Amino acid sequence: MSNSYGAARVRAVDMRSKHEYARQRFLAGIVTGLVGQMILAFLLGLLLLSDSGLGVRIDGALISSLIATPGALSAGFAIMLKDDARAFGGGIVAGAVGATLLWLVLSWIF
């Protein structure tokens, strides 16, 4: 095992790049979870209420979010079981929770 200054710098740079890569995967997971849950809930809401106004469709999407959110959470937790993609799965979970809160806010606005 080498205790040189150069080896320590290489390890420090390697750890920093791992953390930056994990942060990028987490942000990509947030976007994936947010967009995926929003699209799934909106499509399920369209199936539920196909010929209604925008406010009623958003409320239908909020109700459909009760189906879409556990699906997205299950997918995120399943992805988190793999060590390589733990940050990505955590981002999917955070994005799904954020999308659910966004549906709630949209239902209050409209």
PDB file of N, CA and C in Angstrom:
ATOM      1  N   MET A   1       0.833  -1.163   0.000  1.00  0.00           N
ATOM      2  CA  MET A   1       0.000   0.000   0.000  1.00  0.00           C
ATOM      3  C   MET A   1       0.889   1.240   0.000  1.00  0.00           C
ATOM      4  N   SER A   2       0.553   2.173  -0.827  1.00  0.00           N
ATOM      5  CA  SER A   2       1.373   3.361  -0.972  1.00  0.00           C
ATOM      6  C   SER A   2       0.813   4.488  -0.117  1.00  0.00           C
ATOM      7  N   ASN A   3       1.695   5.171   0.575  1.00  0.00           N
ATOM      8  CA  ASN A   3       1.298   6.299   1.409  1.00  0.00           C
ATOM      9  C   ASN A   3       1.795   7.609   0.842  1.00  0.00           C
ATOM     10  N   SER A   4       2.051   7.642  -0.433  1.00  0.00           N
ATOM     11  CA  SER A   4       2.593   8.860  -1.013  1.00  0.00           C
ATOM     12  C   SER A   4       1.499   9.915  -1.173  1.00  0.00           C
ATOM     13  N   TYR A   5       1.945  11.130  -1.299  1.00  0.00           N
ATOM     14  CA  TYR A   5       1.032  12.260  -1.472  1.00  0.00           C
ATOM     15  C   TYR A   5       0.259  12.135  -2.772  1.00  0.00           C
ATOM     16  N   GLY A   6       0.904  11.645  -3.810  1.00  0.00           N
ATOM     17  CA  GLY A   6       0.242  11.482  -5.109  1.00  0.00           C
ATOM     18  C   GLY A   6      -0.895  10.478  -5.059  1.00  0.00           C
ATOM     19  N   ALA A   7      -0.696   9.371  -4.357  1.00  0.00           N
ATOM     20  CA  ALA A   7      -1.755   8.365  -4.238  1.00  0.00           C
ATOM     21  C   ALA A   7      -2.930   8.912  -3.439  1.00  0.00           C
ATOM     22  N   ALA A   8      -2.653   9.706  -2.424  1.00  0.00           N
ATOM     23  CA  ALA A   8      -3.727  10.301  -1.624  1.00  0.00           C
ATOM     24  C   ALA A   8      -4.530  11.289  -2.457  1.00  0.00           C
ATOM     25  N   ARG A   9      -3.848  12.036  -3.308  1.00  0.00           N
ATOM     26  CA  ARG A   9      -4.565  12.984  -4.180  1.00  0.00           C
ATOM     27  C   ARG A   9      -5.433  12.252  -5.180  1.00  0.00           C
ATOM     28  N   VAL A  10      -4.946  11.141  -5.707  1.00  0.00           N
ATOM     29  CA  VAL A  10      -5.733  10.358  -6.663  1.00  0.00           C
ATOM     30  C   VAL A  10      -6.982   9.811  -5.984  1.00  0.00           C
ATOM     31  N   ARG A  11      -6.833   9.309  -4.754  1.00  0.00           N
ATOM     32  CA  ARG A  11      -8.007   8.808  -4.030  1.00  0.00           C
ATOM     33  C   ARG A  11      -8.989   9.923  -3.730  1.00  0.00           C
ATOM     34  N   ALA A  12      -8.499  11.102  -3.377  1.00  0.00           N
ATOM     35  CA  ALA A  12      -9.383  12.229  -3.075  1.00  0.00           C
ATOM     36  C   ALA A  12     -10.152  12.673  -4.318  1.00  0.00           C
ATOM     37  N   VAL A  13      -9.473  12.720  -5.455  1.00  0.00           N
ATOM     38  CA  VAL A  13     -10.130  13.103  -6.706  1.00  0.00           C
ATOM     39  C   VAL A  13     -11.144  12.040  -7.107  1.00  0.00           C
ATOM     40  N   ASP A  14     -10.791  10.773  -6.885  1.00  0.00           N
ATOM     41  CA  ASP A  14     -11.706   9.690  -7.227  1.00  0.00           C
ATOM     42  C   ASP A  14     -12.971   9.750  -6.371  1.00  0.00           C
ATOM     43  N   MET A  15     -12.839  10.020  -5.075  1.00  0.00           N
ATOM     44  CA  MET A  15     -14.006  10.134  -4.207  1.00  0.00           C
ATOM     45  C   MET A  15     -14.862  11.329  -4.600  1.00  0.00           C
ATOM     46  N   ARG A  16     -14.234  12.447  -4.942  1.00  0.00           N
ATOM     47  CA  ARG A  16     -14.980  13.631  -5.338  1.00  0.00           C
ATOM     48  C   ARG A  16     -15.748  13.361  -6.616  1.00  0.00           C
ATOM     49  N   SER A  17     -15.132  12.679  -7.574  1.00  0.00           N
ATOM     50  CA  SER A  17     -15.829  12.403  -8.817  1.00  0.00           C
ATOM     51  C   SER A  17     -16.974  11.408  -8.600  1.00  0.00           C
ATOM     52  N   LYS A  18     -16.815  10.467  -7.658  1.00  0.00           N
ATOM     53  CA  LYS A  18     -17.906   9.546  -7.342  1.00  0.00           C
ATOM     54  C   LYS A  18     -19.089  10.303  -6.756  1.00  0.00           C
ATOM     55  N   HIS A  19     -18.817  11.267  -5.888  1.00  0.00           N
ATOM     56  CA  HIS A  19     -19.896  12.043  -5.283  1.00  0.00           C
ATOM     57  C   HIS A  19     -20.583  12.927  -6.321  1.00  0.00           C
ATOM     58  N   GLU A  20     -19.817  13.510  -7.213  1.00  0.00           N
ATOM     59  CA  GLU A  20     -20.416  14.337  -8.265  1.00  0.00           C
ATOM     60  C   GLU A  20     -21.263  13.482  -9.206  1.00  0.00           C
ATOM     61  N   TYR A  21     -20.781  12.294  -9.529  1.00  0.00           N
ATOM     62  CA  TYR A  21     -21.538  11.395 -10.398  1.00  0.00           C
ATOM     63  C   TYR A  21     -22.816  10.936  -9.706  1.00  0.00           C
ATOM     64  N   ALA A  22     -22.761  10.669  -8.392  1.00  0.00           N
ATOM     65  CA  ALA A  22     -23.956  10.274  -7.643  1.00  0.00           C
ATOM     66  C   ALA A  22     -24.958  11.418  -7.593  1.00  0.00           C
ATOM     67  N   ARG A  23     -24.469  12.640  -7.449  1.00  0.00           N
ATOM     68  CA  ARG A  23     -25.366  13.797  -7.438  1.00  0.00           C
ATOM     69  C   ARG A  23     -26.050  13.961  -8.785  1.00  0.00           C
ATOM     70  N   GLN A  24     -25.328  13.738  -9.873  1.00  0.00           N
ATOM     71  CA  GLN A  24     -25.930  13.809 -11.206  1.00  0.00           C
ATOM     72  C   GLN A  24     -26.981  12.719 -11.384  1.00  0.00           C
ATOM     73  N   ARG A  25     -26.698  11.515 -10.903  1.00  0.00           N
ATOM     74  CA  ARG A  25     -27.683  10.431 -10.993  1.00  0.00           C
ATOM     75  C   ARG A  25     -28.905  10.732 -10.139  1.00  0.00           C
ATOM     76  N   PHE A  26     -28.716  11.351  -8.976  1.00  0.00           N
ATOM     77  CA  PHE A  26     -29.845  11.705  -8.120  1.00  0.00           C
ATOM     78  C   PHE A  26     -30.730  12.737  -8.810  1.00  0.00           C
ATOM     79  N   LEU A  27     -30.125  13.752  -9.415  1.00  0.00           N
ATOM     80  CA  LEU A  27     -30.903  14.772 -10.129  1.00  0.00           C
ATOM     81  C   LEU A  27     -31.616  14.177 -11.338  1.00  0.00           C
ATOM     82  N   ALA A  28     -30.963  13.276 -12.039  1.00  0.00           N
ATOM     83  CA  ALA A  28     -31.618  12.601 -13.167  1.00  0.00           C
ATOM     84  C   ALA A  28     -32.777  11.740 -12.669  1.00  0.00           C
ATOM     85  N   GLY A  29     -32.621  11.122 -11.509  1.00  0.00           N
ATOM     86  CA  GLY A  29     -33.698  10.333 -10.923  1.00  0.00           C
ATOM     87  C   GLY A  29     -34.875  11.194 -10.504  1.00  0.00           C
ATOM     88  N   ILE A  30     -34.601  12.388  -9.971  1.00  0.00           N
ATOM     89  CA  ILE A  30     -35.682  13.299  -9.602  1.00  0.00           C
ATOM     90  C   ILE A  30     -36.494  13.675 -10.825  1.00  0.00           C
ATOM     91  N   VAL A  31     -35.808  14.027 -11.900  1.00  0.00           N
ATOM     92  CA  VAL A  31     -36.519  14.392 -13.131  1.00  0.00           C
ATOM     93  C   VAL A  31     -37.303  13.200 -13.665  1.00  0.00           C
ATOM     94  N   THR A  32     -36.694  12.026 -13.663  1.00  0.00           N
ATOM     95  CA  THR A  32     -37.375  10.822 -14.154  1.00  0.00           C
ATOM     96  C   THR A  32     -38.599  10.493 -13.310  1.00  0.00           C
ATOM     97  N   GLY A  33     -38.468  10.538 -11.995  1.00  0.00           N
ATOM     98  CA  GLY A  33     -39.590  10.248 -11.113  1.00  0.00           C
ATOM     99  C   GLY A  33     -40.703  11.277 -11.236  1.00  0.00           C
ATOM    100  N   LEU A  34     -40.328  12.547 -11.318  1.00  0.00           N
ATOM    101  CA  LEU A  34     -41.314  13.619 -11.432  1.00  0.00           C
ATOM    102  C   LEU A  34     -42.089  13.509 -12.732  1.00  0.00           C
ATOM    103  N   VAL A  35     -41.370  13.410 -13.836  1.00  0.00           N
ATOM    104  CA  VAL A  35     -42.021  13.352 -15.149  1.00  0.00           C
ATOM    105  C   VAL A  35     -42.800  12.046 -15.306  1.00  0.00           C
ATOM    106  N   GLY A  36     -42.226  10.936 -14.891  1.00  0.00           N
ATOM    107  CA  GLY A  36     -42.904   9.654 -15.036  1.00  0.00           C
ATOM    108  C   GLY A  36     -44.190   9.582 -14.234  1.00  0.00           C
ATOM    109  N   GLN A  37     -44.151  10.057 -12.992  1.00  0.00           N
ATOM    110  CA  GLN A  37     -45.345  10.019 -12.162  1.00  0.00           C
ATOM    111  C   GLN A  37     -46.395  10.988 -12.682  1.00  0.00           C
ATOM    112  N   MET A  38     -45.986  12.172 -13.138  1.00  0.00           N
ATOM    113  CA  MET A  38     -46.939  13.147 -13.669  1.00  0.00           C
ATOM    114  C   MET A  38     -47.622  12.603 -14.921  1.00  0.00           C
ATOM    115  N   ILE A  39     -46.855  12.014 -15.812  1.00  0.00           N
ATOM    116  CA  ILE A  39     -47.439  11.474 -17.053  1.00  0.00           C
ATOM    117  C   ILE A  39     -48.370  10.317 -16.744  1.00  0.00           C
ATOM    118  N   LEU A  40     -47.944   9.402 -15.883  1.00  0.00           N
ATOM    119  CA  LEU A  40     -48.787   8.255 -15.555  1.00  0.00           C
ATOM    120  C   LEU A  40     -50.091   8.696 -14.877  1.00  0.00           C
ATOM    121  N   ALA A  41     -49.989   9.622 -13.926  1.00  0.00           N
ATOM    122  CA  ALA A  41     -51.198  10.097 -13.245  1.00  0.00           C
ATOM    123  C   ALA A  41     -52.110  10.850 -14.206  1.00  0.00           C
ATOM    124  N   PHE A  42     -51.531  11.644 -15.102  1.00  0.00           N
ATOM    125  CA  PHE A  42     -52.357  12.391 -16.061  1.00  0.00           C
ATOM    126  C   PHE A  42     -53.052  11.451 -17.032  1.00  0.00           C
ATOM    127  N   LEU A  43     -52.331  10.437 -17.519  1.00  0.00           N
ATOM    128  CA  LEU A  43     -52.958   9.480 -18.440  1.00  0.00           C
ATOM    129  C   LEU A  43     -54.048   8.671 -17.749  1.00  0.00           C
ATOM    130  N   LEU A  44     -53.817   8.258 -16.510  1.00  0.00           N
ATOM    131  CA  LEU A  44     -54.864   7.565 -15.776  1.00  0.00           C
ATOM    132  C   LEU A  44     -56.053   8.485 -15.503  1.00  0.00           C
ATOM    133  N   GLY A  45     -55.786   9.765 -15.260  1.00  0.00           N
ATOM    134  CA  GLY A  45     -56.869  10.732 -15.076  1.00  0.00           C
ATOM    135  C   GLY A  45     -57.646  10.958 -16.357  1.00  0.00           C
ATOM    136  N   LEU A  46     -56.961  10.932 -17.513  1.00  0.00           N
ATOM    137  CA  LEU A  46     -57.673  11.057 -18.794  1.00  0.00           C
ATOM    138  C   LEU A  46     -58.560   9.852 -19.046  1.00  0.00           C
ATOM    139  N   LEU A  47     -58.091   8.675 -18.674  1.00  0.00           N
ATOM    140  CA  LEU A  47     -58.926   7.488 -18.824  1.00  0.00           C
ATOM    141  C   LEU A  47     -60.144   7.555 -17.912  1.00  0.00           C
ATOM    142  N   LEU A  48     -59.951   8.138 -16.749  1.00  0.00           N
ATOM    143  CA  LEU A  48     -61.038   8.238 -15.788  1.00  0.00           C
ATOM    144  C   LEU A  48     -62.074   9.271 -16.222  1.00  0.00           C
ATOM    145  N   LEU A  49     -61.612  10.429 -16.666  1.00  0.00           N
ATOM    146  CA  LEU A  49     -62.495  11.541 -17.041  1.00  0.00           C
ATOM    147  C   LEU A  49     -62.074  12.084 -18.400  1.00  0.00           C
ATOM    148  N   SER A  50     -62.544  11.495 -19.462  1.00  0.00           N
ATOM    149  CA  SER A  50     -62.061  11.878 -20.784  1.00  0.00           C
ATOM    150  C   SER A  50     -62.752  13.115 -21.352  1.00  0.00           C
ATOM    151  N   ASP A  51     -63.983  13.397 -20.995  1.00  0.00           N
ATOM    152  CA  ASP A  51     -64.688  14.522 -21.608  1.00  0.00           C
ATOM    153  C   ASP A  51     -65.107  15.553 -20.557  1.00  0.00           C
ATOM    154  N   SER A  52     -64.135  16.070 -19.819  1.00  0.00           N
ATOM    155  CA  SER A  52     -64.405  17.036 -18.753  1.00  0.00           C
ATOM    156  C   SER A  52     -63.481  18.232 -18.907  1.00  0.00           C
ATOM    157  N   GLY A  53     -63.703  19.248 -18.083  1.00  0.00           N
ATOM    158  CA  GLY A  53     -62.875  20.445 -18.108  1.00  0.00           C
ATOM    159  C   GLY A  53     -61.518  20.220 -17.469  1.00  0.00           C
ATOM    160  N   LEU A  54     -60.677  21.258 -17.541  1.00  0.00           N
ATOM    161  CA  LEU A  54     -59.302  21.145 -17.053  1.00  0.00           C
ATOM    162  C   LEU A  54     -59.254  20.903 -15.550  1.00  0.00           C
ATOM    163  N   GLY A  55     -60.065  21.625 -14.780  1.00  0.00           N
ATOM    164  CA  GLY A  55     -60.055  21.456 -13.331  1.00  0.00           C
ATOM    165  C   GLY A  55     -60.473  20.062 -12.909  1.00  0.00           C
ATOM    166  N   VAL A  56     -61.469  19.514 -13.594  1.00  0.00           N
ATOM    167  CA  VAL A  56     -61.929  18.170 -13.268  1.00  0.00           C
ATOM    168  C   VAL A  56     -60.869  17.142 -13.658  1.00  0.00           C
ATOM    169  N   ARG A  57     -60.182  17.376 -14.783  1.00  0.00           N
ATOM    170  CA  ARG A  57     -59.105  16.462 -15.196  1.00  0.00           C
ATOM    171  C   ARG A  57     -57.945  16.473 -14.209  1.00  0.00           C
ATOM    172  N   ILE A  58     -57.628  17.659 -13.692  1.00  0.00           N
ATOM    173  CA  ILE A  58     -56.540  17.744 -12.708  1.00  0.00           C
ATOM    174  C   ILE A  58     -56.942  17.023 -11.427  1.00  0.00           C
ATOM    175  N   ASP A  59     -58.206  17.180 -11.017  1.00  0.00           N
ATOM    176  CA  ASP A  59     -58.667  16.430  -9.842  1.00  0.00           C
ATOM    177  C   ASP A  59     -58.643  14.923 -10.103  1.00  0.00           C
ATOM    178  N   GLY A  60     -59.001  14.531 -11.322  1.00  0.00           N
ATOM    179  CA  GLY A  60     -58.920  13.115 -11.677  1.00  0.00           C
ATOM    180  C   GLY A  60     -57.487  12.611 -11.673  1.00  0.00           C
ATOM    181  N   ALA A  61     -56.572  13.471 -12.122  1.00  0.00           N
ATOM    182  CA  ALA A  61     -55.156  13.096 -12.090  1.00  0.00           C
ATOM    183  C   ALA A  61     -54.651  12.996 -10.651  1.00  0.00           C
ATOM    184  N   LEU A  62     -55.177  13.852  -9.765  1.00  0.00           N
ATOM    185  CA  LEU A  62     -54.796  13.764  -8.357  1.00  0.00           C
ATOM    186  C   LEU A  62     -55.268  12.440  -7.762  1.00  0.00           C
ATOM    187  N   ILE A  63     -56.496  12.043  -8.101  1.00  0.00           N
ATOM    188  CA  ILE A  63     -56.993  10.754  -7.625  1.00  0.00           C
ATOM    189  C   ILE A  63     -56.173   9.620  -8.249  1.00  0.00           C
ATOM    190  N   SER A  64     -55.840   9.745  -9.528  1.00  0.00           N
ATOM    191  CA  SER A  64     -55.029   8.724 -10.191  1.00  0.00           C
ATOM    192  C   SER A  64     -53.608   8.698  -9.657  1.00  0.00           C
ATOM    193  N   SER A  65     -53.207   9.790  -9.024  1.00  0.00           N
ATOM    194  CA  SER A  65     -51.889   9.833  -8.403  1.00  0.00           C
ATOM    195  C   SER A  65     -51.800   8.844  -7.244  1.00  0.00           C
ATOM    196  N   LEU A  66     -52.950   8.475  -6.687  1.00  0.00           N
ATOM    197  CA  LEU A  66     -52.953   7.454  -5.632  1.00  0.00           C
ATOM    198  C   LEU A  66     -52.517   6.097  -6.171  1.00  0.00           C
ATOM    199  N   ILE A  67     -52.632   5.910  -7.477  1.00  0.00           N
ATOM    200  CA  ILE A  67     -52.163   4.682  -8.113  1.00  0.00           C
ATOM    201  C   ILE A  67     -50.736   4.863  -8.623  1.00  0.00           C
ATOM    202  N   ALA A  68     -50.463   6.024  -9.203  1.00  0.00           N
ATOM    203  CA  ALA A  68     -49.162   6.253  -9.833  1.00  0.00           C
ATOM    204  C   ALA A  68     -48.035   6.403  -8.805  1.00  0.00           C
ATOM    205  N   THR A  69     -48.314   7.026  -7.672  1.00  0.00           N
ATOM    206  CA  THR A  69     -47.261   7.266  -6.683  1.00  0.00           C
ATOM    207  C   THR A  69     -46.706   5.969  -6.089  1.00  0.00           C
ATOM    208  N   PRO A  70     -47.545   5.042  -5.632  1.00  0.00           N
ATOM    209  CA  PRO A  70     -46.957   3.789  -5.113  1.00  0.00           C
ATOM    210  C   PRO A  70     -46.196   3.009  -6.185  1.00  0.00           C
ATOM    211  N   GLY A  71     -46.649   3.100  -7.432  1.00  0.00           N
ATOM    212  CA  GLY A  71     -45.909   2.435  -8.507  1.00  0.00           C
ATOM    213  C   GLY A  71     -44.528   3.035  -8.697  1.00  0.00           C
ATOM    214  N   ALA A  72     -44.459   4.369  -8.699  1.00  0.00           N
ATOM    215  CA  ALA A  72     -43.163   5.033  -8.849  1.00  0.00           C
ATOM    216  C   ALA A  72     -42.270   4.796  -7.632  1.00  0.00           C
ATOM    217  N   LEU A  73     -42.870   4.804  -6.438  1.00  0.00           N
ATOM    218  CA  LEU A  73     -42.083   4.535  -5.235  1.00  0.00           C
ATOM    219  C   LEU A  73     -41.534   3.111  -5.243  1.00  0.00           C
ATOM    220  N   SER A  74     -42.353   2.166  -5.667  1.00  0.00           N
ATOM    221  CA  SER A  74     -41.886   0.778  -5.743  1.00  0.00           C
ATOM    222  C   SER A  74     -40.746   0.635  -6.738  1.00  0.00           C
ATOM    223  N   ALA A  75     -40.873   1.296  -7.886  1.00  0.00           N
ATOM    224  CA  ALA A  75     -39.798   1.243  -8.885  1.00  0.00           C
ATOM    225  C   ALA A  75     -38.524   1.888  -8.343  1.00  0.00           C
ATOM    226  N   GLY A  76     -38.657   3.019  -7.671  1.00  0.00           N
ATOM    227  CA  GLY A  76     -37.490   3.690  -7.104  1.00  0.00           C
ATOM    228  C   GLY A  76     -36.800   2.859  -6.041  1.00  0.00           C
ATOM    229  N   PHE A  77     -37.595   2.250  -5.146  1.00  0.00           N
ATOM    230  CA  PHE A  77     -36.989   1.417  -4.106  1.00  0.00           C
ATOM    231  C   PHE A  77     -36.364   0.156  -4.693  1.00  0.00           C
ATOM    232  N   ALA A  78     -36.966  -0.381  -5.749  1.00  0.00           N
ATOM    233  CA  ALA A  78     -36.374  -1.557  -6.390  1.00  0.00           C
ATOM    234  C   ALA A  78     -35.040  -1.198  -7.045  1.00  0.00           C
ATOM    235  N   ILE A  79     -34.966  -0.027  -7.651  1.00  0.00           N
ATOM    236  CA  ILE A  79     -33.707   0.410  -8.264  1.00  0.00           C
ATOM    237  C   ILE A  79     -32.665   0.702  -7.188  1.00  0.00           C
ATOM    238  N   MET A  80     -33.102   1.168  -6.030  1.00  0.00           N
ATOM    239  CA  MET A  80     -32.164   1.461  -4.941  1.00  0.00           C
ATOM    240  C   MET A  80     -31.506   0.204  -4.378  1.00  0.00           C
ATOM    241  N   LEU A  81     -32.072  -0.960  -4.621  1.00  0.00           N
ATOM    242  CA  LEU A  81     -31.465  -2.194  -4.129  1.00  0.00           C
ATOM    243  C   LEU A  81     -30.130  -2.478  -4.803  1.00  0.00           C
ATOM    244  N   LYS A  82     -29.946  -1.969  -6.007  1.00  0.00           N
ATOM    245  CA  LYS A  82     -28.679  -2.152  -6.700  1.00  0.00           C
ATOM    246  C   LYS A  82     -27.727  -1.053  -6.255  1.00  0.00           C
ATOM    247  N   ASP A  83     -26.559  -1.413  -5.829  1.00  0.00           N
ATOM    248  CA  ASP A  83     -25.624  -0.455  -5.244  1.00  0.00           C
ATOM    249  C   ASP A  83     -25.195   0.619  -6.240  1.00  0.00           C
ATOM    250  N   ASP A  84     -25.073   0.250  -7.518  1.00  0.00           N
ATOM    251  CA  ASP A  84     -24.620   1.215  -8.521  1.00  0.00           C
ATOM    252  C   ASP A  84     -25.642   2.323  -8.740  1.00  0.00           C
ATOM    253  N   ALA A  85     -26.917   2.006  -8.612  1.00  0.00           N
ATOM    254  CA  ALA A  85     -27.970   2.960  -8.961  1.00  0.00           C
ATOM    255  C   ALA A  85     -28.748   3.434  -7.741  1.00  0.00           C
ATOM    256  N   ARG A  86     -28.139   3.380  -6.568  1.00  0.00           N
ATOM    257  CA  ARG A  86     -28.846   3.781  -5.357  1.00  0.00           C
ATOM    258  C   ARG A  86     -29.261   5.253  -5.407  1.00  0.00           C
ATOM    259  N   ALA A  87     -28.403   6.117  -5.892  1.00  0.00           N
ATOM    260  CA  ALA A  87     -28.740   7.538  -5.970  1.00  0.00           C
ATOM    261  C   ALA A  87     -29.845   7.788  -6.992  1.00  0.00           C
ATOM    262  N   PHE A  88     -29.819   7.066  -8.093  1.00  0.00           N
ATOM    263  CA  PHE A  88     -30.858   7.220  -9.112  1.00  0.00           C
ATOM    264  C   PHE A  88     -32.217   6.789  -8.564  1.00  0.00           C
ATOM    265  N   GLY A  89     -32.266   5.676  -7.852  1.00  0.00           N
ATOM    266  CA  GLY A  89     -33.509   5.208  -7.244  1.00  0.00           C
ATOM    267  C   GLY A  89     -34.022   6.171  -6.183  1.00  0.00           C
ATOM    268  N   GLY A  90     -33.121   6.725  -5.398  1.00  0.00           N
ATOM    269  CA  GLY A  90     -33.521   7.728  -4.407  1.00  0.00           C
ATOM    270  C   GLY A  90     -34.087   8.968  -5.068  1.00  0.00           C
ATOM    271  N   GLY A  91     -33.529   9.336  -6.215  1.00  0.00           N
ATOM    272  CA  GLY A  91     -34.063  10.469  -6.962  1.00  0.00           C
ATOM    273  C   GLY A  91     -35.456  10.193  -7.510  1.00  0.00           C
ATOM    274  N   ILE A  92     -35.689   8.963  -7.958  1.00  0.00           N
ATOM    275  CA  ILE A  92     -37.022   8.598  -8.448  1.00  0.00           C
ATOM    276  C   ILE A  92     -38.041   8.695  -7.318  1.00  0.00           C
ATOM    277  N   VAL A  93     -37.670   8.230  -6.138  1.00  0.00           N
ATOM    278  CA  VAL A  93     -38.570   8.317  -4.990  1.00  0.00           C
ATOM    279  C   VAL A  93     -38.854   9.780  -4.654  1.00  0.00           C
ATOM    280  N   ALA A  94     -37.830  10.610  -4.606  1.00  0.00           N
ATOM    281  CA  ALA A  94     -38.019  12.032  -4.306  1.00  0.00           C
ATOM    282  C   ALA A  94     -38.849  12.717  -5.391  1.00  0.00           C
ATOM    283  N   GLY A  95     -38.614  12.370  -6.648  1.00  0.00           N
ATOM    284  CA  GLY A  95     -39.391  12.958  -7.737  1.00  0.00           C
ATOM    285  C   GLY A  95     -40.851  12.560  -7.690  1.00  0.00           C
ATOM    286  N   ALA A  96     -41.138  11.325  -7.322  1.00  0.00           N
ATOM    287  CA  ALA A  96     -42.531  10.874  -7.228  1.00  0.00           C
ATOM    288  C   ALA A  96     -43.258  11.590  -6.091  1.00  0.00           C
ATOM    289  N   VAL A  97     -42.583  11.771  -4.977  1.00  0.00           N
ATOM    290  CA  VAL A  97     -43.195  12.504  -3.865  1.00  0.00           C
ATOM    291  C   VAL A  97     -43.409  13.963  -4.267  1.00  0.00           C
ATOM    292  N   GLY A  98     -42.434  14.553  -4.944  1.00  0.00           N
ATOM    293  CA  GLY A  98     -42.588  15.933  -5.427  1.00  0.00           C
ATOM    294  C   GLY A  98     -43.721  16.083  -6.422  1.00  0.00           C
ATOM    295  N   ALA A  99     -43.895  15.102  -7.303  1.00  0.00           N
ATOM    296  CA  ALA A  99     -44.992  15.153  -8.272  1.00  0.00           C
ATOM    297  C   ALA A  99     -46.339  15.045  -7.582  1.00  0.00           C
ATOM    298  N   THR A 100     -46.426  14.229  -6.548  1.00  0.00           N
ATOM    299  CA  THR A 100     -47.673  14.117  -5.798  1.00  0.00           C
ATOM    300  C   THR A 100     -48.021  15.443  -5.132  1.00  0.00           C
ATOM    301  N   LEU A 101     -47.030  16.082  -4.549  1.00  0.00           N
ATOM    302  CA  LEU A 101     -47.268  17.397  -3.952  1.00  0.00           C
ATOM    303  C   LEU A 101     -47.633  18.431  -5.010  1.00  0.00           C
ATOM    304  N   LEU A 102     -47.030  18.335  -6.184  1.00  0.00           N
ATOM    305  CA  LEU A 102     -47.356  19.252  -7.275  1.00  0.00           C
ATOM    306  C   LEU A 102     -48.794  19.065  -7.745  1.00  0.00           C
ATOM    307  N   TRP A 103     -49.268  17.802  -7.836  1.00  0.00           N
ATOM    308  CA  TRP A 103     -50.670  17.544  -8.187  1.00  0.00           C
ATOM    309  C   TRP A 103     -51.598  18.142  -7.139  1.00  0.00           C
ATOM    310  N   LEU A 104     -51.208  18.051  -5.873  1.00  0.00           N
ATOM    311  CA  LEU A 104     -52.030  18.603  -4.804  1.00  0.00           C
ATOM    312  C   LEU A 104     -52.130  20.129  -4.926  1.00  0.00           C
ATOM    313  N   VAL A 105     -51.017  20.780  -5.199  1.00  0.00           N
ATOM    314  CA  VAL A 105     -51.017  22.225  -5.378  1.00  0.00           C
ATOM    315  C   VAL A 105     -51.831  22.628  -6.608  1.00  0.00           C
ATOM    316  N   LEU A 106     -51.676  21.887  -7.701  1.00  0.00           N
ATOM    317  CA  LEU A 106     -52.454  22.192  -8.910  1.00  0.00           C
ATOM    318  C   LEU A 106     -53.943  22.021  -8.690  1.00  0.00           C
ATOM    319  N   SER A 107     -54.333  21.044  -7.887  1.00  0.00           N
ATOM    320  CA  SER A 107     -55.755  20.859  -7.621  1.00  0.00           C
ATOM    321  C   SER A 107     -56.314  21.998  -6.777  1.00  0.00           C
ATOM    322  N   TRP A 108     -55.489  22.593  -5.899  1.00  0.00           N
ATOM    323  CA  TRP A 108     -55.943  23.741  -5.129  1.00  0.00           C
ATOM    324  C   TRP A 108     -56.056  24.982  -6.002  1.00  0.00           C
ATOM    325  N   ILE A 109     -55.147  25.121  -6.992  1.00  0.00           N
ATOM    326  CA  ILE A 109     -55.163  26.300  -7.857  1.00  0.00           C
ATOM    327  C   ILE A 109     -56.343  26.254  -8.813  1.00  0.00           C
ATOM    328  N   PHE A 110     -56.536  25.119  -9.449  1.00  0.00           N
ATOM    329  CA  PHE A 110     -57.620  25.004 -10.442  1.00  0.00           C
ATOM    330  C   PHE A 110     -58.829  24.459  -9.762  1.00  0.00           C
TER     331      PHE A 110
END
